[in-house]
Amino acid sequence: MRRWVRLLPLLLAACSGLEEGEGGVVGLEVQLPDDPTLEVGEQVQLSARALDVNGETVDAEILWRASDAALSVDATGLVTGVAPGSSDVQAVVGSLASERIEFDVIARADTLIIVGDSVFVIPIAADPPVTANLVVRLESRSPAGPVDSRPVIYEITQPVPGATPVVQLAGGVQSDTLTTIADGTAAIALGLVAGQTPPDTAIVEVRANRTRGSPVPGSGQRFIVLFQ
């Protein structure tokens, strides 16, 4: 839930000699975003209230301004990420301005791609056991390049895990979330569980989400591992 935060202290009605701003405004309250991180192109709506000396809402025009070109803000308080970097936004009424609301703008995750093979053939009797190395990369078009430090989820969808799994990801798990490194890649190994009867096929689905939850294009792709 978003929080309303009073960003200029209100003067009490009992005080004397008040310096009222335009339209009797002495303070501003701004609704802070749930998450101050924006991908390029993402938007978040801010809201603000102008307050009088009694803490009541004043019908005053509230303007918005951004500190630099990393983001933009329109007349309604709609903030848009423009370029990677840090920036902040203020609500303004006349000569009064709120404290700065800080944002981090990061590269947009535009696509999730499989790097190398998506189909593997694993010999069952290999000694030592052979594993499949499943590699993906997150890329951005704005600006163009790899996207690092983002979560990527790997999940075994076949065979459906039972009481005793027969295949596993590195670490002995059925699903795992990895973080992309500097070149935008994430990688994990899949192998058989020792002592269990191998399946004919294993399928691993991979996906990633943007900062506000929408899936990155390319999510849902699958690795297929054949055991022979």
C-alpha atoms as a PDB file:
ATOM      1  CA  MET A   1       0.000   0.000   0.000  1.00  0.00           C
ATOM      2  CA  ARG A   2       1.327   3.434  -0.875  1.00  0.00           C
ATOM      3  CA  ARG A   3       2.012   5.886   1.931  1.00  0.00           C
ATOM      4  CA  TRP A   4       1.080   9.517   2.161  1.00  0.00           C
ATOM      5  CA  VAL A   5       4.064  11.414   3.541  1.00  0.00           C
ATOM      6  CA  ARG A   6       3.999  15.008   4.653  1.00  0.00           C
ATOM      7  CA  LEU A   7       7.065  16.458   2.996  1.00  0.00           C
ATOM      8  CA  LEU A   8       6.810  19.974   4.403  1.00  0.00           C
ATOM      9  CA  PRO A   9       5.942  20.385   8.099  1.00  0.00           C
ATOM     10  CA  LEU A  10       2.532  21.948   8.690  1.00  0.00           C
ATOM     11  CA  LEU A  11       2.367  25.017  10.888  1.00  0.00           C
ATOM     12  CA  LEU A  12      -0.190  24.752  13.655  1.00  0.00           C
ATOM     13  CA  ALA A  13      -3.282  26.965  13.645  1.00  0.00           C
ATOM     14  CA  ALA A  14      -2.332  28.304  17.079  1.00  0.00           C
ATOM     15  CA  CYS A  15       0.896  29.773  15.741  1.00  0.00           C
ATOM     16  CA  SER A  16       1.042  33.413  14.808  1.00  0.00           C
ATOM     17  CA  GLY A  17       2.760  35.251  11.993  1.00  0.00           C
ATOM     18  CA  LEU A  18       2.277  32.441   9.441  1.00  0.00           C
ATOM     19  CA  GLU A  19       3.778  32.876   6.010  1.00  0.00           C
ATOM     20  CA  GLU A  20       1.116  31.362   3.773  1.00  0.00           C
ATOM     21  CA  GLY A  21       1.980  30.501   0.241  1.00  0.00           C
ATOM     22  CA  GLU A  22      -0.171  30.740  -2.852  1.00  0.00           C
ATOM     23  CA  GLY A  23      -3.857  30.168  -2.005  1.00  0.00           C
ATOM     24  CA  GLY A  24      -3.106  29.714   1.692  1.00  0.00           C
ATOM     25  CA  VAL A  25      -0.928  26.644   1.139  1.00  0.00           C
ATOM     26  CA  VAL A  26       1.594  25.987   3.914  1.00  0.00           C
ATOM     27  CA  GLY A  27       2.498  22.350   3.229  1.00  0.00           C
ATOM     28  CA  LEU A  28       2.399  19.473   0.762  1.00  0.00           C
ATOM     29  CA  GLU A  29       1.735  15.776   1.156  1.00  0.00           C
ATOM     30  CA  VAL A  30       2.940  13.367  -1.525  1.00  0.00           C
ATOM     31  CA  GLN A  31       1.974   9.713  -1.969  1.00  0.00           C
ATOM     32  CA  LEU A  32       5.255   7.819  -2.235  1.00  0.00           C
ATOM     33  CA  PRO A  33       5.574   4.982  -4.774  1.00  0.00           C
ATOM     34  CA  ASP A  34       5.699   1.378  -3.602  1.00  0.00           C
ATOM     35  CA  ASP A  35       8.929   0.883  -5.543  1.00  0.00           C
ATOM     36  CA  PRO A  36      11.250   3.792  -6.454  1.00  0.00           C
ATOM     37  CA  THR A  37      12.907   1.772  -9.238  1.00  0.00           C
ATOM     38  CA  LEU A  38      11.739   2.227 -12.840  1.00  0.00           C
ATOM     39  CA  GLU A  39      12.844   0.469 -15.980  1.00  0.00           C
ATOM     40  CA  VAL A  40      13.233   2.712 -19.027  1.00  0.00           C
ATOM     41  CA  GLY A  41       9.721   3.272 -20.353  1.00  0.00           C
ATOM     42  CA  GLU A  42       7.973   2.233 -17.144  1.00  0.00           C
ATOM     43  CA  GLN A  43       5.638   4.662 -15.426  1.00  0.00           C
ATOM     44  CA  VAL A  44       4.347   5.338 -11.931  1.00  0.00           C
ATOM     45  CA  GLN A  45       1.631   7.776 -10.884  1.00  0.00           C
ATOM     46  CA  LEU A  46       2.342  10.160  -8.026  1.00  0.00           C
ATOM     47  CA  SER A  47      -0.319  12.082  -6.113  1.00  0.00           C
ATOM     48  CA  ALA A  48      -0.030  15.157  -3.951  1.00  0.00           C
ATOM     49  CA  ARG A  49      -2.230  17.322  -1.727  1.00  0.00           C
ATOM     50  CA  ALA A  50      -1.802  20.993  -0.887  1.00  0.00           C
ATOM     51  CA  LEU A  51      -2.627  21.719   2.773  1.00  0.00           C
ATOM     52  CA  ASP A  52      -3.564  24.847   4.709  1.00  0.00           C
ATOM     53  CA  VAL A  53      -2.549  25.797   8.230  1.00  0.00           C
ATOM     54  CA  ASN A  54      -5.262  23.554   9.683  1.00  0.00           C
ATOM     55  CA  GLY A  55      -4.128  20.531   7.692  1.00  0.00           C
ATOM     56  CA  GLU A  56      -7.107  20.727   5.366  1.00  0.00           C
ATOM     57  CA  THR A  57      -6.797  20.136   1.627  1.00  0.00           C
ATOM     58  CA  VAL A  58      -6.533  23.295  -0.443  1.00  0.00           C
ATOM     59  CA  ASP A  59      -7.766  23.458  -4.036  1.00  0.00           C
ATOM     60  CA  ALA A  60      -4.490  24.686  -5.490  1.00  0.00           C
ATOM     61  CA  GLU A  61      -2.705  23.861  -8.724  1.00  0.00           C
ATOM     62  CA  ILE A  62       0.137  21.433  -8.038  1.00  0.00           C
ATOM     63  CA  LEU A  63       2.982  21.364 -10.536  1.00  0.00           C
ATOM     64  CA  TRP A  64       5.668  18.711 -10.877  1.00  0.00           C
ATOM     65  CA  ARG A  65       9.317  18.902 -11.844  1.00  0.00           C
ATOM     66  CA  ALA A  66      12.145  16.401 -12.379  1.00  0.00           C
ATOM     67  CA  SER A  67      15.774  17.133 -11.567  1.00  0.00           C
ATOM     68  CA  ASP A  68      17.324  15.709 -14.759  1.00  0.00           C
ATOM     69  CA  ALA A  69      16.713  13.760 -17.945  1.00  0.00           C
ATOM     70  CA  ALA A  70      16.815  10.265 -16.405  1.00  0.00           C
ATOM     71  CA  LEU A  71      13.050  10.573 -16.011  1.00  0.00           C
ATOM     72  CA  SER A  72      10.182  12.865 -16.935  1.00  0.00           C
ATOM     73  CA  VAL A  73       7.047  13.881 -15.050  1.00  0.00           C
ATOM     74  CA  ASP A  74       3.900  15.370 -16.574  1.00  0.00           C
ATOM     75  CA  ALA A  75       1.358  17.817 -15.138  1.00  0.00           C
ATOM     76  CA  THR A  76      -0.597  15.015 -13.447  1.00  0.00           C
ATOM     77  CA  GLY A  77       2.424  13.555 -11.614  1.00  0.00           C
ATOM     78  CA  LEU A  78       2.906  10.643 -14.019  1.00  0.00           C
ATOM     79  CA  VAL A  79       6.604   9.721 -13.839  1.00  0.00           C
ATOM     80  CA  THR A  80       8.275   7.960 -16.793  1.00  0.00           C
ATOM     81  CA  GLY A  81      11.727   6.381 -16.843  1.00  0.00           C
ATOM     82  CA  VAL A  82      13.710   7.857 -19.752  1.00  0.00           C
ATOM     83  CA  ALA A  83      17.337   6.743 -19.386  1.00  0.00           C
ATOM     84  CA  PRO A  84      19.387   4.782 -16.839  1.00  0.00           C
ATOM     85  CA  GLY A  85      20.448   6.898 -13.886  1.00  0.00           C
ATOM     86  CA  SER A  86      19.199   8.493 -10.698  1.00  0.00           C
ATOM     87  CA  SER A  87      16.774  11.390 -10.584  1.00  0.00           C
ATOM     88  CA  ASP A  88      14.166  12.906  -8.322  1.00  0.00           C
ATOM     89  CA  VAL A  89      10.800  14.597  -8.546  1.00  0.00           C
ATOM     90  CA  GLN A  90       9.220  17.423  -6.573  1.00  0.00           C
ATOM     91  CA  ALA A  91       5.671  18.668  -6.195  1.00  0.00           C
ATOM     92  CA  VAL A  92       5.423  22.464  -6.334  1.00  0.00           C
ATOM     93  CA  VAL A  93       2.779  25.044  -5.397  1.00  0.00           C
ATOM     94  CA  GLY A  94       3.925  28.605  -5.965  1.00  0.00           C
ATOM     95  CA  SER A  95       7.189  29.023  -4.084  1.00  0.00           C
ATOM     96  CA  LEU A  96       6.629  25.917  -1.951  1.00  0.00           C
ATOM     97  CA  ALA A  97       8.233  22.644  -3.015  1.00  0.00           C
ATOM     98  CA  SER A  98       8.138  19.182  -1.480  1.00  0.00           C
ATOM     99  CA  GLU A  99      11.242  17.291  -0.526  1.00  0.00           C
ATOM    100  CA  ARG A 100      12.787  15.338  -3.378  1.00  0.00           C
ATOM    101  CA  ILE A 101      11.289  11.943  -4.204  1.00  0.00           C
ATOM    102  CA  GLU A 102      14.185   9.860  -5.463  1.00  0.00           C
ATOM    103  CA  PHE A 103      14.026   7.297  -8.277  1.00  0.00           C
ATOM    104  CA  ASP A 104      16.504   4.901  -9.838  1.00  0.00           C
ATOM    105  CA  VAL A 105      16.008   4.298 -13.566  1.00  0.00           C
ATOM    106  CA  ILE A 106      17.464   1.071 -14.928  1.00  0.00           C
ATOM    107  CA  ALA A 107      17.757  -0.487 -18.383  1.00  0.00           C
ATOM    108  CA  ARG A 108      14.601  -2.187 -19.601  1.00  0.00           C
ATOM    109  CA  ALA A 109      14.654  -5.973 -19.902  1.00  0.00           C
ATOM    110  CA  ASP A 110      13.340  -6.374 -23.460  1.00  0.00           C
ATOM    111  CA  THR A 111      13.999 -10.018 -24.214  1.00  0.00           C
ATOM    112  CA  LEU A 112      15.060 -13.283 -22.633  1.00  0.00           C
ATOM    113  CA  ILE A 113      16.982 -15.530 -25.020  1.00  0.00           C
ATOM    114  CA  ILE A 114      18.456 -18.990 -24.785  1.00  0.00           C
ATOM    115  CA  VAL A 115      22.215 -19.028 -25.312  1.00  0.00           C
ATOM    116  CA  GLY A 116      23.554 -22.081 -27.106  1.00  0.00           C
ATOM    117  CA  ASP A 117      21.609 -25.336 -27.103  1.00  0.00           C
ATOM    118  CA  SER A 118      18.011 -25.700 -25.991  1.00  0.00           C
ATOM    119  CA  VAL A 119      17.964 -29.483 -26.535  1.00  0.00           C
ATOM    120  CA  PHE A 120      20.451 -31.797 -24.813  1.00  0.00           C
ATOM    121  CA  VAL A 121      21.092 -35.522 -24.986  1.00  0.00           C
ATOM    122  CA  ILE A 122      22.508 -36.940 -21.758  1.00  0.00           C
ATOM    123  CA  PRO A 123      23.998 -40.486 -21.654  1.00  0.00           C
ATOM    124  CA  ILE A 124      22.521 -42.294 -18.683  1.00  0.00           C
ATOM    125  CA  ALA A 125      25.529 -44.523 -18.056  1.00  0.00           C
ATOM    126  CA  ALA A 126      28.184 -41.788 -18.203  1.00  0.00           C
ATOM    127  CA  ASP A 127      30.784 -41.928 -15.446  1.00  0.00           C
ATOM    128  CA  PRO A 128      31.188 -39.348 -14.065  1.00  0.00           C
ATOM    129  CA  PRO A 129      27.543 -38.255 -14.588  1.00  0.00           C
ATOM    130  CA  VAL A 130      26.914 -35.688 -17.313  1.00  0.00           C
ATOM    131  CA  THR A 131      24.781 -32.597 -16.733  1.00  0.00           C
ATOM    132  CA  ALA A 132      23.107 -30.138 -19.104  1.00  0.00           C
ATOM    133  CA  ASN A 133      24.211 -26.513 -18.717  1.00  0.00           C
ATOM    134  CA  LEU A 134      21.176 -24.273 -19.276  1.00  0.00           C
ATOM    135  CA  VAL A 135      22.149 -20.712 -20.204  1.00  0.00           C
ATOM    136  CA  VAL A 136      19.989 -17.660 -20.934  1.00  0.00           C
ATOM    137  CA  ARG A 137      20.666 -13.967 -21.402  1.00  0.00           C
ATOM    138  CA  LEU A 138      18.597 -10.860 -20.671  1.00  0.00           C
ATOM    139  CA  GLU A 139      18.994  -8.072 -23.223  1.00  0.00           C
ATOM    140  CA  SER A 140      17.790  -4.505 -23.536  1.00  0.00           C
ATOM    141  CA  ARG A 141      17.117  -2.375 -26.580  1.00  0.00           C
ATOM    142  CA  SER A 142      16.956   0.860 -24.576  1.00  0.00           C
ATOM    143  CA  PRO A 143      19.902   1.210 -24.283  1.00  0.00           C
ATOM    144  CA  ALA A 144      21.086  -1.765 -26.322  1.00  0.00           C
ATOM    145  CA  GLY A 145      23.085  -4.311 -24.372  1.00  0.00           C
ATOM    146  CA  PRO A 146      22.982  -6.963 -21.665  1.00  0.00           C
ATOM    147  CA  VAL A 147      20.895  -6.523 -18.523  1.00  0.00           C
ATOM    148  CA  ASP A 148      22.633  -7.547 -15.324  1.00  0.00           C
ATOM    149  CA  SER A 149      21.558  -7.969 -11.697  1.00  0.00           C
ATOM    150  CA  ARG A 150      18.061  -9.220 -12.603  1.00  0.00           C
ATOM    151  CA  PRO A 151      16.345 -12.395 -11.404  1.00  0.00           C
ATOM    152  CA  VAL A 152      15.779 -15.305 -13.792  1.00  0.00           C
ATOM    153  CA  ILE A 153      13.656 -18.271 -12.728  1.00  0.00           C
ATOM    154  CA  TYR A 154      14.371 -21.852 -13.796  1.00  0.00           C
ATOM    155  CA  GLU A 155      11.723 -24.491 -13.053  1.00  0.00           C
ATOM    156  CA  ILE A 156      11.520 -28.194 -13.865  1.00  0.00           C
ATOM    157  CA  THR A 157       8.043 -28.760 -15.324  1.00  0.00           C
ATOM    158  CA  GLN A 158       8.559 -32.355 -16.504  1.00  0.00           C
ATOM    159  CA  PRO A 159       8.663 -34.824 -14.930  1.00  0.00           C
ATOM    160  CA  VAL A 160       6.305 -33.350 -12.340  1.00  0.00           C
ATOM    161  CA  PRO A 161       8.175 -33.517  -9.039  1.00  0.00           C
ATOM    162  CA  GLY A 162       6.930 -36.322  -6.812  1.00  0.00           C
ATOM    163  CA  ALA A 163       7.874 -37.392  -3.331  1.00  0.00           C
ATOM    164  CA  THR A 164      11.269 -38.378  -4.710  1.00  0.00           C
ATOM    165  CA  PRO A 165      12.442 -36.301  -7.690  1.00  0.00           C
ATOM    166  CA  VAL A 166      14.388 -38.080 -10.425  1.00  0.00           C
ATOM    167  CA  VAL A 167      16.028 -34.971 -11.957  1.00  0.00           C
ATOM    168  CA  GLN A 168      17.274 -31.855 -10.250  1.00  0.00           C
ATOM    169  CA  LEU A 169      18.848 -28.481 -10.809  1.00  0.00           C
ATOM    170  CA  ALA A 170      22.195 -27.636  -9.269  1.00  0.00           C
ATOM    171  CA  GLY A 171      21.820 -27.521  -5.522  1.00  0.00           C
ATOM    172  CA  GLY A 172      19.304 -30.365  -5.502  1.00  0.00           C
ATOM    173  CA  VAL A 173      16.268 -28.148  -6.183  1.00  0.00           C
ATOM    174  CA  GLN A 174      13.336 -28.308  -8.590  1.00  0.00           C
ATOM    175  CA  SER A 175      13.248 -24.545  -9.183  1.00  0.00           C
ATOM    176  CA  ASP A 176      15.709 -21.768  -8.570  1.00  0.00           C
ATOM    177  CA  THR A 177      16.063 -18.018  -9.073  1.00  0.00           C
ATOM    178  CA  LEU A 178      19.415 -16.800 -10.336  1.00  0.00           C
ATOM    179  CA  THR A 179      20.720 -13.280 -10.888  1.00  0.00           C
ATOM    180  CA  THR A 180      22.147 -12.271 -14.248  1.00  0.00           C
ATOM    181  CA  ILE A 181      25.825 -11.316 -14.254  1.00  0.00           C
ATOM    182  CA  ALA A 182      27.598  -8.483 -16.100  1.00  0.00           C
ATOM    183  CA  ASP A 183      27.127 -10.036 -19.548  1.00  0.00           C
ATOM    184  CA  GLY A 184      23.401 -10.520 -18.885  1.00  0.00           C
ATOM    185  CA  THR A 185      23.616 -14.294 -18.566  1.00  0.00           C
ATOM    186  CA  ALA A 186      22.408 -16.769 -15.996  1.00  0.00           C
ATOM    187  CA  ALA A 187      23.244 -20.470 -16.069  1.00  0.00           C
ATOM    188  CA  ILE A 188      22.330 -23.568 -14.119  1.00  0.00           C
ATOM    189  CA  ALA A 189      23.016 -27.287 -14.525  1.00  0.00           C
ATOM    190  CA  LEU A 190      20.413 -30.053 -14.702  1.00  0.00           C
ATOM    191  CA  GLY A 191      21.208 -33.654 -13.916  1.00  0.00           C
ATOM    192  CA  LEU A 192      19.847 -36.958 -12.685  1.00  0.00           C
ATOM    193  CA  VAL A 193      19.229 -37.737  -9.050  1.00  0.00           C
ATOM    194  CA  ALA A 194      21.604 -40.537  -8.041  1.00  0.00           C
ATOM    195  CA  GLY A 195      19.936 -43.856  -7.474  1.00  0.00           C
ATOM    196  CA  GLN A 196      16.675 -42.926  -9.213  1.00  0.00           C
ATOM    197  CA  THR A 197      15.304 -44.341 -12.467  1.00  0.00           C
ATOM    198  CA  PRO A 198      15.996 -41.780 -15.227  1.00  0.00           C
ATOM    199  CA  PRO A 199      13.051 -40.340 -17.151  1.00  0.00           C
ATOM    200  CA  ASP A 200      13.022 -40.285 -20.940  1.00  0.00           C
ATOM    201  CA  THR A 201      12.749 -36.490 -20.987  1.00  0.00           C
ATOM    202  CA  ALA A 202      13.076 -33.533 -18.679  1.00  0.00           C
ATOM    203  CA  ILE A 203      11.766 -30.048 -19.451  1.00  0.00           C
ATOM    204  CA  VAL A 204      12.933 -26.869 -17.743  1.00  0.00           C
ATOM    205  CA  GLU A 205      11.018 -23.621 -18.220  1.00  0.00           C
ATOM    206  CA  VAL A 206      12.760 -20.287 -17.831  1.00  0.00           C
ATOM    207  CA  ARG A 207      11.216 -16.884 -17.232  1.00  0.00           C
ATOM    208  CA  ALA A 208      11.935 -13.380 -15.989  1.00  0.00           C
ATOM    209  CA  ASN A 209       9.781 -10.457 -14.891  1.00  0.00           C
ATOM    210  CA  ARG A 210      10.129  -6.715 -15.210  1.00  0.00           C
ATOM    211  CA  THR A 211      10.313  -4.606 -12.070  1.00  0.00           C
ATOM    212  CA  ARG A 212       6.530  -4.170 -11.926  1.00  0.00           C
ATOM    213  CA  GLY A 213       5.706  -7.795 -12.545  1.00  0.00           C
ATOM    214  CA  SER A 214       5.010  -8.074 -16.283  1.00  0.00           C
ATOM    215  CA  PRO A 215       6.805 -10.991 -17.993  1.00  0.00           C
ATOM    216  CA  VAL A 216       9.861 -10.235 -20.100  1.00  0.00           C
ATOM    217  CA  PRO A 217       9.278 -11.259 -23.740  1.00  0.00           C
ATOM    218  CA  GLY A 218      10.811 -14.678 -24.251  1.00  0.00           C
ATOM    219  CA  SER A 219       9.652 -15.945 -20.879  1.00  0.00           C
ATOM    220  CA  GLY A 220       8.224 -19.446 -20.998  1.00  0.00           C
ATOM    221  CA  GLN A 221      10.899 -20.859 -23.294  1.00  0.00           C
ATOM    222  CA  ARG A 222      11.923 -24.421 -22.504  1.00  0.00           C
ATOM    223  CA  PHE A 223      15.028 -26.507 -22.361  1.00  0.00           C
ATOM    224  CA  ILE A 224      14.524 -30.156 -23.334  1.00  0.00           C
ATOM    225  CA  VAL A 225      16.869 -32.790 -21.932  1.00  0.00           C
ATOM    226  CA  LEU A 226      16.756 -36.328 -23.341  1.00  0.00           C
ATOM    227  CA  PHE A 227      18.199 -39.213 -21.321  1.00  0.00           C
ATOM    228  CA  GLN A 228      19.469 -42.107 -23.428  1.00  0.00           C
END
